[in-house]
Amino acid sequence: MDSNFILTLVLFAIPFIFAVTFHEAAHGYVARKFGDRTAEMMGRITLNPIKHIDPIGTLLVPGMMFLMAKMVGAPFFLFGWAKPVPINPSHFRDPVRNMRWVTAAGPLSNLAMALIWAVVWKLSMLFPGMFAIGMIEMATFGVLINVLLMVLNLIPILPLDGGRIVDSFLPWKWSMSFRRIEPYGIWILLLLLVFGGLGKVLWPLVNSIIGLIRMLVGL
């Protein structure tokens, strides 16, 4: 494994770990705002990645996908997760509405991170040398990873954030039926990923959002 590959892996890992860390911490932070201190008491409202990392979902699966994409020269598609932040809706003043905002906080944090990385990308272009090249590559990963995670999480399938947002709008009877899908949600996503359907749906959205971010920042 050459040094260039290791450097690329590091430049990818930093924004990915921050993306999942901010995502989960945002859920806990908004939950605390609405009265649920469960995540805070468990030390999960923190930007310390160690508190949020899932060895398989945050490290092994994304790392293997990155490695395979580089080895075969295929387009890179990210799939991974962190340890879910514990939320107790019974502590909310308005459980349905408050939970909706708690759920949305994760994808919105990724949008904010994508904008921050785009600014880093823009500022890095002002500096010469290898440092600037490395920062531009890392910022490019940062924008891509955060937009991809945002769009992926907004797919209306449980247990993803998009599924929970949809569930919050459903009548009780429909909600009970919808929740029965949750144990199979990840398997549905994996099947769509393996057979190419997931990428066909997500990439046009991801590319459009990245285009808008670049236009906004002036890249």
N, C-alpha and C. Protein backbone atom coordinates (compact mmCIF):
# COMPACT_ATOMS: atom_id res chain seq x y z
N MET A 1 0.86 -1.19 0.00
CA MET A 1 0.00 0.00 0.00
C MET A 1 0.90 1.24 0.00
N ASP A 2 0.84 2.06 -1.07
CA ASP A 2 1.76 3.18 -1.19
C ASP A 2 1.32 4.36 -0.31
N SER A 3 2.27 5.32 -0.16
CA SER A 3 2.03 6.46 0.73
C SER A 3 0.91 7.36 0.21
N ASN A 4 0.76 7.46 -1.12
CA ASN A 4 -0.31 8.29 -1.68
C ASN A 4 -1.68 7.76 -1.30
N PHE A 5 -1.82 6.42 -1.31
CA PHE A 5 -3.10 5.84 -0.95
C PHE A 5 -3.41 6.09 0.53
N ILE A 6 -2.39 5.93 1.39
CA ILE A 6 -2.58 6.16 2.82
C ILE A 6 -2.96 7.61 3.08
N LEU A 7 -2.32 8.54 2.38
CA LEU A 7 -2.65 9.96 2.53
C LEU A 7 -4.08 10.22 2.11
N THR A 8 -4.50 9.64 0.99
CA THR A 8 -5.88 9.82 0.51
C THR A 8 -6.88 9.25 1.52
N LEU A 9 -6.54 8.10 2.10
CA LEU A 9 -7.42 7.49 3.10
C LEU A 9 -7.57 8.40 4.32
N VAL A 10 -6.47 9.02 4.75
CA VAL A 10 -6.51 9.94 5.90
C VAL A 10 -7.34 11.17 5.56
N LEU A 11 -7.15 11.70 4.35
CA LEU A 11 -7.90 12.90 3.93
C LEU A 11 -9.39 12.60 3.81
N PHE A 12 -9.74 11.36 3.52
CA PHE A 12 -11.14 10.95 3.50
C PHE A 12 -11.68 10.73 4.92
N ALA A 13 -10.88 10.08 5.77
CA ALA A 13 -11.34 9.68 7.09
C ALA A 13 -11.68 10.88 7.97
N ILE A 14 -10.89 11.93 7.90
CA ILE A 14 -11.11 13.09 8.78
C ILE A 14 -12.49 13.71 8.55
N PRO A 15 -12.85 14.10 7.33
CA PRO A 15 -14.20 14.67 7.15
C PRO A 15 -15.32 13.68 7.40
N PHE A 16 -15.10 12.39 7.12
CA PHE A 16 -16.16 11.40 7.37
C PHE A 16 -16.44 11.27 8.86
N ILE A 17 -15.39 11.16 9.67
CA ILE A 17 -15.58 11.01 11.11
C ILE A 17 -16.25 12.25 11.69
N PHE A 18 -15.83 13.44 11.23
CA PHE A 18 -16.47 14.66 11.70
C PHE A 18 -17.93 14.73 11.24
N ALA A 19 -18.22 14.22 10.05
CA ALA A 19 -19.60 14.26 9.53
C ALA A 19 -20.54 13.45 10.41
N VAL A 20 -20.15 12.21 10.76
CA VAL A 20 -21.03 11.38 11.58
C VAL A 20 -21.07 11.88 13.02
N THR A 21 -19.95 12.47 13.49
CA THR A 21 -19.90 13.01 14.85
C THR A 21 -20.85 14.19 15.01
N PHE A 22 -20.78 15.15 14.09
CA PHE A 22 -21.67 16.31 14.13
C PHE A 22 -23.13 15.87 13.97
N HIS A 23 -23.36 14.90 13.11
CA HIS A 23 -24.72 14.42 12.86
C HIS A 23 -25.36 13.91 14.15
N GLU A 24 -24.65 13.02 14.85
CA GLU A 24 -25.21 12.44 16.07
C GLU A 24 -25.28 13.45 17.21
N ALA A 25 -24.24 14.27 17.34
CA ALA A 25 -24.25 15.29 18.40
C ALA A 25 -25.40 16.27 18.20
N ALA A 26 -25.72 16.58 16.95
CA ALA A 26 -26.83 17.51 16.66
C ALA A 26 -28.16 16.94 17.14
N HIS A 27 -28.38 15.64 16.95
CA HIS A 27 -29.60 15.01 17.47
C HIS A 27 -29.71 15.23 18.98
N GLY A 28 -28.61 14.95 19.69
CA GLY A 28 -28.63 15.07 21.14
C GLY A 28 -28.78 16.50 21.61
N TYR A 29 -28.14 17.43 20.91
CA TYR A 29 -28.20 18.84 21.29
C TYR A 29 -29.63 19.38 21.17
N VAL A 30 -30.30 19.09 20.06
CA VAL A 30 -31.66 19.57 19.86
C VAL A 30 -32.62 18.87 20.83
N ALA A 31 -32.37 17.58 21.11
CA ALA A 31 -33.20 16.88 22.09
C ALA A 31 -33.10 17.56 23.45
N ARG A 32 -31.91 17.98 23.83
CA ARG A 32 -31.75 18.68 25.11
C ARG A 32 -32.51 20.00 25.12
N LYS A 33 -32.50 20.70 23.99
CA LYS A 33 -33.23 21.95 23.89
C LYS A 33 -34.73 21.76 24.14
N PHE A 34 -35.24 20.59 23.76
CA PHE A 34 -36.67 20.31 23.92
C PHE A 34 -36.98 19.58 25.23
N GLY A 35 -35.97 19.40 26.09
CA GLY A 35 -36.23 18.86 27.42
C GLY A 35 -35.73 17.46 27.71
N ASP A 36 -35.17 16.76 26.71
CA ASP A 36 -34.66 15.41 26.93
C ASP A 36 -33.15 15.46 27.14
N ARG A 37 -32.69 15.13 28.34
CA ARG A 37 -31.27 15.20 28.67
C ARG A 37 -30.60 13.81 28.65
N THR A 38 -31.28 12.83 28.04
CA THR A 38 -30.74 11.46 28.00
C THR A 38 -29.37 11.41 27.34
N ALA A 39 -29.24 12.01 26.16
CA ALA A 39 -27.96 12.00 25.45
C ALA A 39 -26.88 12.74 26.25
N GLU A 40 -27.26 13.84 26.87
CA GLU A 40 -26.30 14.61 27.67
C GLU A 40 -25.77 13.78 28.84
N MET A 41 -26.66 13.08 29.54
CA MET A 41 -26.26 12.29 30.70
C MET A 41 -25.35 11.12 30.30
N MET A 42 -25.47 10.68 29.03
CA MET A 42 -24.62 9.59 28.54
C MET A 42 -23.37 10.09 27.83
N GLY A 43 -23.15 11.42 27.90
CA GLY A 43 -21.95 12.00 27.31
C GLY A 43 -21.94 12.02 25.80
N ARG A 44 -23.11 12.06 25.17
CA ARG A 44 -23.18 11.98 23.72
C ARG A 44 -23.34 13.35 23.05
N ILE A 45 -23.53 14.42 23.82
CA ILE A 45 -23.56 15.75 23.20
C ILE A 45 -22.13 16.29 23.22
N THR A 46 -21.33 15.77 22.37
CA THR A 46 -19.92 16.10 22.32
C THR A 46 -19.40 15.94 20.90
N LEU A 47 -18.35 16.68 20.58
CA LEU A 47 -17.71 16.53 19.28
C LEU A 47 -16.52 15.57 19.34
N ASN A 48 -16.40 14.87 20.45
CA ASN A 48 -15.37 13.84 20.58
C ASN A 48 -15.79 12.62 19.77
N PRO A 49 -15.10 12.32 18.67
CA PRO A 49 -15.53 11.21 17.79
C PRO A 49 -15.60 9.87 18.48
N ILE A 50 -14.77 9.67 19.51
CA ILE A 50 -14.72 8.37 20.19
C ILE A 50 -16.07 8.02 20.80
N LYS A 51 -16.82 9.03 21.22
CA LYS A 51 -18.12 8.81 21.84
C LYS A 51 -19.17 8.33 20.83
N HIS A 52 -18.94 8.59 19.54
CA HIS A 52 -19.96 8.30 18.53
C HIS A 52 -19.57 7.18 17.57
N ILE A 53 -18.29 6.83 17.53
CA ILE A 53 -17.82 5.86 16.54
C ILE A 53 -18.37 4.47 16.81
N ASP A 54 -18.91 3.86 15.76
CA ASP A 54 -19.28 2.45 15.77
C ASP A 54 -18.17 1.72 15.00
N PRO A 55 -17.47 0.77 15.63
CA PRO A 55 -16.32 0.14 14.96
C PRO A 55 -16.63 -0.41 13.58
N ILE A 56 -17.83 -0.97 13.42
CA ILE A 56 -18.20 -1.55 12.12
C ILE A 56 -18.72 -0.48 11.18
N GLY A 57 -19.72 0.28 11.62
CA GLY A 57 -20.39 1.24 10.74
C GLY A 57 -19.59 2.48 10.42
N THR A 58 -18.71 2.92 11.35
CA THR A 58 -17.95 4.14 11.13
C THR A 58 -16.56 3.87 10.56
N LEU A 59 -16.01 2.71 10.87
CA LEU A 59 -14.63 2.42 10.45
C LEU A 59 -14.54 1.31 9.40
N LEU A 60 -15.05 0.13 9.73
CA LEU A 60 -14.84 -1.03 8.85
C LEU A 60 -15.57 -0.91 7.53
N VAL A 61 -16.89 -0.67 7.57
CA VAL A 61 -17.68 -0.65 6.33
C VAL A 61 -17.25 0.48 5.39
N PRO A 62 -17.19 1.75 5.85
CA PRO A 62 -16.74 2.82 4.94
C PRO A 62 -15.31 2.61 4.45
N GLY A 63 -14.44 2.11 5.35
CA GLY A 63 -13.05 1.86 4.94
C GLY A 63 -12.94 0.81 3.86
N MET A 64 -13.72 -0.27 3.98
CA MET A 64 -13.71 -1.33 2.97
C MET A 64 -14.27 -0.82 1.65
N MET A 65 -15.32 0.00 1.72
CA MET A 65 -15.91 0.52 0.49
C MET A 65 -14.93 1.47 -0.22
N PHE A 66 -14.25 2.27 0.58
CA PHE A 66 -13.24 3.19 0.02
C PHE A 66 -12.10 2.39 -0.61
N LEU A 67 -11.63 1.36 0.09
CA LEU A 67 -10.53 0.53 -0.40
C LEU A 67 -10.92 -0.17 -1.70
N MET A 68 -12.11 -0.75 -1.75
CA MET A 68 -12.55 -1.46 -2.95
C MET A 68 -12.71 -0.51 -4.13
N ALA A 69 -13.24 0.69 -3.87
CA ALA A 69 -13.41 1.66 -4.95
C ALA A 69 -12.06 2.06 -5.54
N LYS A 70 -11.06 2.25 -4.67
CA LYS A 70 -9.73 2.63 -5.14
C LYS A 70 -9.05 1.50 -5.89
N MET A 71 -9.25 0.27 -5.43
CA MET A 71 -8.57 -0.88 -6.04
C MET A 71 -9.10 -1.16 -7.44
N VAL A 72 -10.41 -1.03 -7.62
CA VAL A 72 -10.99 -1.38 -8.92
C VAL A 72 -11.26 -0.14 -9.78
N GLY A 73 -10.99 1.04 -9.23
CA GLY A 73 -11.21 2.28 -9.98
C GLY A 73 -12.66 2.60 -10.20
N ALA A 74 -13.53 2.10 -9.32
CA ALA A 74 -14.97 2.34 -9.46
C ALA A 74 -15.36 3.63 -8.78
N PRO A 75 -16.49 4.22 -9.15
CA PRO A 75 -16.98 5.41 -8.45
C PRO A 75 -17.22 5.09 -6.98
N PHE A 76 -16.84 6.00 -6.11
CA PHE A 76 -16.96 5.77 -4.68
C PHE A 76 -18.36 6.08 -4.19
N PHE A 77 -18.95 5.12 -3.46
CA PHE A 77 -20.25 5.35 -2.83
C PHE A 77 -20.10 5.05 -1.35
N LEU A 78 -20.48 6.01 -0.52
CA LEU A 78 -20.31 5.89 0.92
C LEU A 78 -21.53 5.24 1.57
N PHE A 79 -21.25 4.29 2.45
CA PHE A 79 -22.32 3.73 3.27
C PHE A 79 -21.73 3.47 4.64
N GLY A 80 -22.30 4.06 5.68
CA GLY A 80 -21.79 3.87 7.03
C GLY A 80 -22.71 4.50 8.05
N TRP A 81 -22.38 4.32 9.32
CA TRP A 81 -23.22 4.87 10.37
C TRP A 81 -22.41 5.01 11.65
N ALA A 82 -22.95 5.78 12.60
CA ALA A 82 -22.36 5.91 13.93
C ALA A 82 -23.33 5.32 14.95
N LYS A 83 -22.90 5.28 16.21
CA LYS A 83 -23.80 4.80 17.26
C LYS A 83 -24.96 5.79 17.41
N PRO A 84 -26.20 5.33 17.33
CA PRO A 84 -27.33 6.25 17.47
C PRO A 84 -27.34 6.93 18.83
N VAL A 85 -27.68 8.21 18.84
CA VAL A 85 -27.82 8.94 20.09
C VAL A 85 -29.13 8.55 20.76
N PRO A 86 -29.11 8.20 22.05
CA PRO A 86 -30.35 7.81 22.74
C PRO A 86 -31.27 9.01 22.95
N ILE A 87 -32.51 8.86 22.53
CA ILE A 87 -33.52 9.92 22.66
C ILE A 87 -34.74 9.33 23.36
N ASN A 88 -35.27 10.08 24.32
CA ASN A 88 -36.49 9.65 25.02
C ASN A 88 -37.59 10.69 24.78
N PRO A 89 -38.45 10.48 23.79
CA PRO A 89 -39.47 11.48 23.44
C PRO A 89 -40.45 11.79 24.56
N SER A 90 -40.56 10.92 25.57
CA SER A 90 -41.50 11.17 26.66
C SER A 90 -41.11 12.41 27.47
N HIS A 91 -39.87 12.87 27.32
CA HIS A 91 -39.43 14.07 28.02
C HIS A 91 -39.77 15.35 27.25
N PHE A 92 -40.23 15.22 26.02
CA PHE A 92 -40.52 16.40 25.20
C PHE A 92 -41.86 17.01 25.60
N ARG A 93 -41.95 18.32 25.43
CA ARG A 93 -43.22 19.01 25.69
C ARG A 93 -44.26 18.67 24.62
N ASP A 94 -43.80 18.54 23.37
CA ASP A 94 -44.66 18.16 22.26
C ASP A 94 -43.93 17.02 21.53
N PRO A 95 -44.12 15.77 21.97
CA PRO A 95 -43.31 14.66 21.47
C PRO A 95 -43.24 14.53 19.96
N VAL A 96 -44.36 14.66 19.26
CA VAL A 96 -44.36 14.46 17.81
C VAL A 96 -43.59 15.58 17.11
N ARG A 97 -43.95 16.82 17.41
CA ARG A 97 -43.31 17.95 16.74
C ARG A 97 -41.84 18.08 17.15
N ASN A 98 -41.55 17.91 18.42
CA ASN A 98 -40.17 18.03 18.89
C ASN A 98 -39.29 16.94 18.29
N MET A 99 -39.82 15.72 18.22
CA MET A 99 -39.04 14.62 17.65
C MET A 99 -38.75 14.87 16.18
N ARG A 100 -39.67 15.52 15.50
CA ARG A 100 -39.46 15.85 14.09
C ARG A 100 -38.23 16.74 13.92
N TRP A 101 -38.10 17.75 14.80
CA TRP A 101 -36.95 18.65 14.73
C TRP A 101 -35.66 17.96 15.18
N VAL A 102 -35.77 17.11 16.18
CA VAL A 102 -34.59 16.35 16.63
C VAL A 102 -34.06 15.48 15.49
N THR A 103 -34.97 14.84 14.79
CA THR A 103 -34.59 13.98 13.66
C THR A 103 -33.97 14.79 12.53
N ALA A 104 -34.58 15.93 12.21
CA ALA A 104 -34.08 16.76 11.11
C ALA A 104 -32.73 17.38 11.42
N ALA A 105 -32.38 17.49 12.70
CA ALA A 105 -31.12 18.14 13.09
C ALA A 105 -29.91 17.42 12.51
N GLY A 106 -29.98 16.10 12.37
CA GLY A 106 -28.85 15.35 11.82
C GLY A 106 -28.53 15.73 10.39
N PRO A 107 -29.48 15.56 9.46
CA PRO A 107 -29.22 15.97 8.07
C PRO A 107 -28.89 17.45 7.92
N LEU A 108 -29.54 18.31 8.73
CA LEU A 108 -29.24 19.75 8.65
C LEU A 108 -27.81 20.03 9.09
N SER A 109 -27.31 19.28 10.06
CA SER A 109 -25.91 19.46 10.48
C SER A 109 -24.95 19.08 9.37
N ASN A 110 -25.31 18.05 8.58
CA ASN A 110 -24.47 17.68 7.44
C ASN A 110 -24.47 18.75 6.36
N LEU A 111 -25.62 19.40 6.15
CA LEU A 111 -25.67 20.50 5.20
C LEU A 111 -24.78 21.64 5.67
N ALA A 112 -24.83 21.96 6.96
CA ALA A 112 -23.98 23.02 7.51
C ALA A 112 -22.50 22.66 7.35
N MET A 113 -22.16 21.39 7.62
CA MET A 113 -20.77 20.94 7.47
C MET A 113 -20.32 21.01 6.02
N ALA A 114 -21.20 20.67 5.09
CA ALA A 114 -20.85 20.75 3.67
C ALA A 114 -20.52 22.19 3.29
N LEU A 115 -21.30 23.14 3.79
CA LEU A 115 -21.02 24.56 3.52
C LEU A 115 -19.69 24.98 4.13
N ILE A 116 -19.39 24.52 5.33
CA ILE A 116 -18.12 24.86 5.97
C ILE A 116 -16.95 24.30 5.17
N TRP A 117 -17.06 23.06 4.74
CA TRP A 117 -15.99 22.46 3.93
C TRP A 117 -15.84 23.17 2.59
N ALA A 118 -16.94 23.65 2.04
CA ALA A 118 -16.86 24.40 0.79
C ALA A 118 -16.08 25.71 0.99
N VAL A 119 -16.28 26.35 2.13
CA VAL A 119 -15.53 27.58 2.45
C VAL A 119 -14.04 27.24 2.62
N VAL A 120 -13.74 26.11 3.30
CA VAL A 120 -12.35 25.66 3.43
C VAL A 120 -11.73 25.42 2.06
N TRP A 121 -12.49 24.80 1.18
CA TRP A 121 -12.06 24.54 -0.21
C TRP A 121 -11.72 25.86 -0.90
N LYS A 122 -12.61 26.84 -0.76
CA LYS A 122 -12.41 28.14 -1.39
C LYS A 122 -11.16 28.83 -0.84
N LEU A 123 -11.01 28.84 0.48
CA LEU A 123 -9.87 29.52 1.10
C LEU A 123 -8.55 28.81 0.79
N SER A 124 -8.59 27.47 0.67
CA SER A 124 -7.37 26.71 0.39
C SER A 124 -6.79 27.06 -0.97
N MET A 125 -7.64 27.51 -1.88
CA MET A 125 -7.18 27.87 -3.23
C MET A 125 -6.32 29.13 -3.22
N LEU A 126 -6.33 29.86 -2.11
CA LEU A 126 -5.53 31.08 -2.01
C LEU A 126 -4.08 30.81 -1.64
N PHE A 127 -3.79 29.58 -1.22
CA PHE A 127 -2.44 29.24 -0.76
C PHE A 127 -1.76 28.30 -1.76
N PRO A 128 -0.46 28.48 -1.97
CA PRO A 128 0.27 27.61 -2.90
C PRO A 128 0.81 26.37 -2.19
N GLY A 129 1.34 25.43 -2.97
CA GLY A 129 2.08 24.31 -2.41
C GLY A 129 1.22 23.09 -2.13
N MET A 130 1.93 22.04 -1.60
CA MET A 130 1.30 20.75 -1.36
C MET A 130 0.25 20.82 -0.25
N PHE A 131 0.47 21.71 0.74
CA PHE A 131 -0.51 21.84 1.82
C PHE A 131 -1.88 22.23 1.25
N ALA A 132 -1.86 23.19 0.34
CA ALA A 132 -3.13 23.64 -0.25
C ALA A 132 -3.78 22.51 -1.05
N ILE A 133 -2.97 21.74 -1.77
CA ILE A 133 -3.51 20.63 -2.56
C ILE A 133 -4.19 19.61 -1.65
N GLY A 134 -3.51 19.29 -0.53
CA GLY A 134 -4.09 18.34 0.43
C GLY A 134 -5.37 18.86 1.05
N MET A 135 -5.39 20.15 1.41
CA MET A 135 -6.58 20.74 2.02
C MET A 135 -7.74 20.78 1.03
N ILE A 136 -7.44 21.07 -0.23
CA ILE A 136 -8.50 21.09 -1.25
C ILE A 136 -9.10 19.70 -1.43
N GLU A 137 -8.22 18.68 -1.44
CA GLU A 137 -8.73 17.31 -1.60
C GLU A 137 -9.58 16.91 -0.40
N MET A 138 -9.13 17.25 0.82
CA MET A 138 -9.89 16.92 2.01
C MET A 138 -11.21 17.68 2.04
N ALA A 139 -11.19 18.96 1.66
CA ALA A 139 -12.43 19.76 1.64
C ALA A 139 -13.40 19.22 0.59
N THR A 140 -12.86 18.76 -0.54
CA THR A 140 -13.71 18.16 -1.58
C THR A 140 -14.42 16.92 -1.04
N PHE A 141 -13.65 16.06 -0.34
CA PHE A 141 -14.24 14.90 0.32
C PHE A 141 -15.30 15.35 1.33
N GLY A 142 -14.96 16.42 2.10
CA GLY A 142 -15.88 16.91 3.13
C GLY A 142 -17.22 17.32 2.57
N VAL A 143 -17.21 18.05 1.46
CA VAL A 143 -18.46 18.46 0.82
C VAL A 143 -19.23 17.23 0.34
N LEU A 144 -18.53 16.35 -0.37
CA LEU A 144 -19.17 15.15 -0.93
C LEU A 144 -19.77 14.27 0.16
N ILE A 145 -18.98 13.98 1.19
CA ILE A 145 -19.41 13.07 2.25
C ILE A 145 -20.63 13.61 2.97
N ASN A 146 -20.60 14.90 3.32
CA ASN A 146 -21.71 15.47 4.08
C ASN A 146 -22.99 15.56 3.25
N VAL A 147 -22.87 15.92 1.99
CA VAL A 147 -24.06 15.98 1.14
C VAL A 147 -24.62 14.57 0.93
N LEU A 148 -23.72 13.62 0.71
CA LEU A 148 -24.16 12.23 0.51
C LEU A 148 -24.85 11.68 1.76
N LEU A 149 -24.28 11.94 2.92
CA LEU A 149 -24.90 11.48 4.16
C LEU A 149 -26.25 12.16 4.40
N MET A 150 -26.34 13.45 4.07
CA MET A 150 -27.60 14.16 4.23
C MET A 150 -28.68 13.54 3.36
N VAL A 151 -28.38 13.37 2.09
CA VAL A 151 -29.37 12.83 1.14
C VAL A 151 -29.72 11.39 1.50
N LEU A 152 -28.71 10.60 1.85
CA LEU A 152 -28.94 9.20 2.22
C LEU A 152 -29.85 9.11 3.44
N ASN A 153 -29.60 9.94 4.44
CA ASN A 153 -30.39 9.89 5.66
C ASN A 153 -31.82 10.40 5.46
N LEU A 154 -32.05 11.16 4.41
CA LEU A 154 -33.39 11.68 4.16
C LEU A 154 -34.25 10.74 3.32
N ILE A 155 -33.70 9.57 2.94
CA ILE A 155 -34.53 8.57 2.26
C ILE A 155 -35.65 8.15 3.22
N PRO A 156 -36.89 8.14 2.76
CA PRO A 156 -38.02 7.88 3.66
C PRO A 156 -38.20 6.40 4.01
N ILE A 157 -37.16 5.81 4.56
CA ILE A 157 -37.20 4.42 5.02
C ILE A 157 -36.70 4.38 6.46
N LEU A 158 -37.43 3.73 7.34
CA LEU A 158 -36.95 3.52 8.70
C LEU A 158 -35.83 2.49 8.68
N PRO A 159 -34.76 2.66 9.48
CA PRO A 159 -34.61 3.58 10.60
C PRO A 159 -33.91 4.89 10.25
N LEU A 160 -33.86 5.27 8.98
CA LEU A 160 -33.19 6.52 8.60
C LEU A 160 -34.00 7.73 9.08
N ASP A 161 -33.32 8.88 9.15
CA ASP A 161 -33.98 10.10 9.61
C ASP A 161 -35.18 10.46 8.74
N GLY A 162 -35.05 10.26 7.43
CA GLY A 162 -36.15 10.56 6.53
C GLY A 162 -37.39 9.74 6.85
N GLY A 163 -37.18 8.46 7.21
CA GLY A 163 -38.29 7.61 7.59
C GLY A 163 -38.95 8.08 8.88
N ARG A 164 -38.15 8.56 9.82
CA ARG A 164 -38.72 9.05 11.09
C ARG A 164 -39.48 10.36 10.89
N ILE A 165 -39.00 11.19 9.97
CA ILE A 165 -39.73 12.43 9.67
C ILE A 165 -41.08 12.11 9.04
N VAL A 166 -41.08 11.18 8.07
CA VAL A 166 -42.33 10.77 7.43
C VAL A 166 -43.27 10.18 8.48
N ASP A 167 -42.73 9.33 9.36
CA ASP A 167 -43.54 8.68 10.39
C ASP A 167 -44.21 9.70 11.31
N SER A 168 -43.54 10.83 11.56
CA SER A 168 -44.10 11.84 12.46
C SER A 168 -45.33 12.53 11.88
N PHE A 169 -45.52 12.43 10.56
CA PHE A 169 -46.68 13.05 9.92
C PHE A 169 -47.84 12.06 9.71
N LEU A 170 -47.59 10.78 9.95
CA LEU A 170 -48.61 9.76 9.65
C LEU A 170 -49.63 9.63 10.78
N PRO A 171 -50.89 9.34 10.44
CA PRO A 171 -51.87 8.98 11.47
C PRO A 171 -51.39 7.74 12.22
N TRP A 172 -51.88 7.57 13.45
CA TRP A 172 -51.38 6.51 14.32
C TRP A 172 -51.45 5.14 13.65
N LYS A 173 -52.57 4.80 13.01
CA LYS A 173 -52.72 3.48 12.40
C LYS A 173 -51.71 3.26 11.28
N TRP A 174 -51.52 4.28 10.44
CA TRP A 174 -50.55 4.17 9.35
C TRP A 174 -49.13 4.09 9.91
N SER A 175 -48.89 4.84 10.97
CA SER A 175 -47.57 4.84 11.59
C SER A 175 -47.20 3.45 12.09
N MET A 176 -48.14 2.76 12.72
CA MET A 176 -47.88 1.41 13.22
C MET A 176 -47.50 0.46 12.08
N SER A 177 -48.19 0.60 10.95
CA SER A 177 -47.89 -0.25 9.79
C SER A 177 -46.52 0.11 9.21
N PHE A 178 -46.24 1.40 9.13
CA PHE A 178 -44.98 1.88 8.57
C PHE A 178 -43.80 1.40 9.41
N ARG A 179 -43.96 1.37 10.73
CA ARG A 179 -42.86 1.00 11.62
C ARG A 179 -42.51 -0.48 11.51
N ARG A 180 -43.38 -1.27 10.96
CA ARG A 180 -43.08 -2.70 10.80
C ARG A 180 -41.95 -2.92 9.79
N ILE A 181 -41.71 -1.92 8.95
CA ILE A 181 -40.65 -2.02 7.94
C ILE A 181 -39.27 -1.86 8.57
N GLU A 182 -39.20 -1.20 9.73
CA GLU A 182 -37.91 -0.80 10.30
C GLU A 182 -36.87 -1.92 10.42
N PRO A 183 -37.22 -3.12 10.89
CA PRO A 183 -36.18 -4.17 11.00
C PRO A 183 -35.55 -4.54 9.66
N TYR A 184 -36.25 -4.24 8.55
CA TYR A 184 -35.75 -4.62 7.23
C TYR A 184 -35.18 -3.43 6.45
N GLY A 185 -35.21 -2.23 7.06
CA GLY A 185 -34.83 -1.02 6.34
C GLY A 185 -33.40 -1.05 5.82
N ILE A 186 -32.45 -1.43 6.68
CA ILE A 186 -31.05 -1.47 6.26
C ILE A 186 -30.83 -2.50 5.17
N TRP A 187 -31.52 -3.64 5.26
CA TRP A 187 -31.39 -4.68 4.22
C TRP A 187 -31.94 -4.19 2.89
N ILE A 188 -33.02 -3.43 2.93
CA ILE A 188 -33.58 -2.85 1.71
C ILE A 188 -32.56 -1.92 1.06
N LEU A 189 -31.92 -1.09 1.88
CA LEU A 189 -30.91 -0.16 1.37
C LEU A 189 -29.72 -0.91 0.78
N LEU A 190 -29.28 -1.97 1.46
CA LEU A 190 -28.14 -2.74 0.97
C LEU A 190 -28.47 -3.41 -0.37
N LEU A 191 -29.67 -3.92 -0.50
CA LEU A 191 -30.08 -4.52 -1.77
C LEU A 191 -30.11 -3.48 -2.89
N LEU A 192 -30.66 -2.30 -2.59
CA LEU A 192 -30.68 -1.23 -3.57
C LEU A 192 -29.26 -0.80 -3.95
N LEU A 193 -28.36 -0.80 -2.96
CA LEU A 193 -26.97 -0.43 -3.22
C LEU A 193 -26.29 -1.46 -4.11
N VAL A 194 -26.45 -2.74 -3.79
CA VAL A 194 -25.80 -3.81 -4.54
C VAL A 194 -26.28 -3.83 -5.99
N PHE A 195 -27.58 -3.61 -6.21
CA PHE A 195 -28.12 -3.70 -7.56
C PHE A 195 -28.14 -2.35 -8.29
N GLY A 196 -27.54 -1.33 -7.68
CA GLY A 196 -27.35 -0.06 -8.38
C GLY A 196 -28.49 0.92 -8.31
N GLY A 197 -29.61 0.52 -7.73
CA GLY A 197 -30.77 1.41 -7.69
C GLY A 197 -30.56 2.61 -6.79
N LEU A 198 -29.83 2.41 -5.69
CA LEU A 198 -29.62 3.49 -4.72
C LEU A 198 -28.81 4.62 -5.34
N GLY A 199 -27.75 4.26 -6.03
CA GLY A 199 -26.91 5.27 -6.65
C GLY A 199 -27.63 6.07 -7.73
N LYS A 200 -28.48 5.39 -8.49
CA LYS A 200 -29.22 6.07 -9.56
C LYS A 200 -30.17 7.13 -9.01
N VAL A 201 -30.69 6.87 -7.82
CA VAL A 201 -31.61 7.83 -7.19
C VAL A 201 -30.83 8.96 -6.51
N LEU A 202 -29.76 8.60 -5.81
CA LEU A 202 -29.08 9.58 -4.97
C LEU A 202 -28.12 10.50 -5.72
N TRP A 203 -27.35 9.96 -6.68
CA TRP A 203 -26.30 10.77 -7.29
C TRP A 203 -26.81 12.02 -7.99
N PRO A 204 -27.94 11.99 -8.71
CA PRO A 204 -28.43 13.25 -9.30
C PRO A 204 -28.73 14.30 -8.24
N LEU A 205 -29.32 13.89 -7.11
CA LEU A 205 -29.60 14.83 -6.03
C LEU A 205 -28.31 15.35 -5.40
N VAL A 206 -27.38 14.44 -5.15
CA VAL A 206 -26.09 14.83 -4.55
C VAL A 206 -25.36 15.81 -5.44
N ASN A 207 -25.27 15.52 -6.72
CA ASN A 207 -24.56 16.40 -7.65
C ASN A 207 -25.24 17.76 -7.76
N SER A 208 -26.58 17.78 -7.74
CA SER A 208 -27.30 19.06 -7.82
C SER A 208 -27.03 19.92 -6.59
N ILE A 209 -27.07 19.30 -5.41
CA ILE A 209 -26.83 20.05 -4.17
C ILE A 209 -25.39 20.55 -4.10
N ILE A 210 -24.44 19.70 -4.49
CA ILE A 210 -23.05 20.14 -4.51
C ILE A 210 -22.87 21.30 -5.48
N GLY A 211 -23.54 21.23 -6.63
CA GLY A 211 -23.48 22.33 -7.59
C GLY A 211 -24.00 23.64 -7.00
N LEU A 212 -25.10 23.56 -6.25
CA LEU A 212 -25.65 24.75 -5.61
C LEU A 212 -24.71 25.30 -4.55
N ILE A 213 -24.08 24.43 -3.78
CA ILE A 213 -23.14 24.86 -2.74
C ILE A 213 -21.93 25.52 -3.39
N ARG A 214 -21.41 24.94 -4.45
CA ARG A 214 -20.27 25.54 -5.12
C ARG A 214 -20.61 26.91 -5.71
N MET A 215 -21.80 27.02 -6.23
CA MET A 215 -22.23 28.31 -6.78
C MET A 215 -22.37 29.34 -5.66
N LEU A 216 -22.90 28.90 -4.53
CA LEU A 216 -23.10 29.82 -3.40
C LEU A 216 -21.77 30.33 -2.87
N VAL A 217 -20.77 29.44 -2.79
CA VAL A 217 -19.47 29.82 -2.23
C VAL A 217 -18.57 30.45 -3.28
N GLY A 218 -18.88 30.23 -4.55
CA GLY A 218 -18.08 30.81 -5.62
C GLY A 218 -16.94 29.93 -6.07
N LEU A 219 -17.17 28.61 -6.07
CA LEU A 219 -16.13 27.67 -6.50
C LEU A 219 -16.27 27.36 -8.00
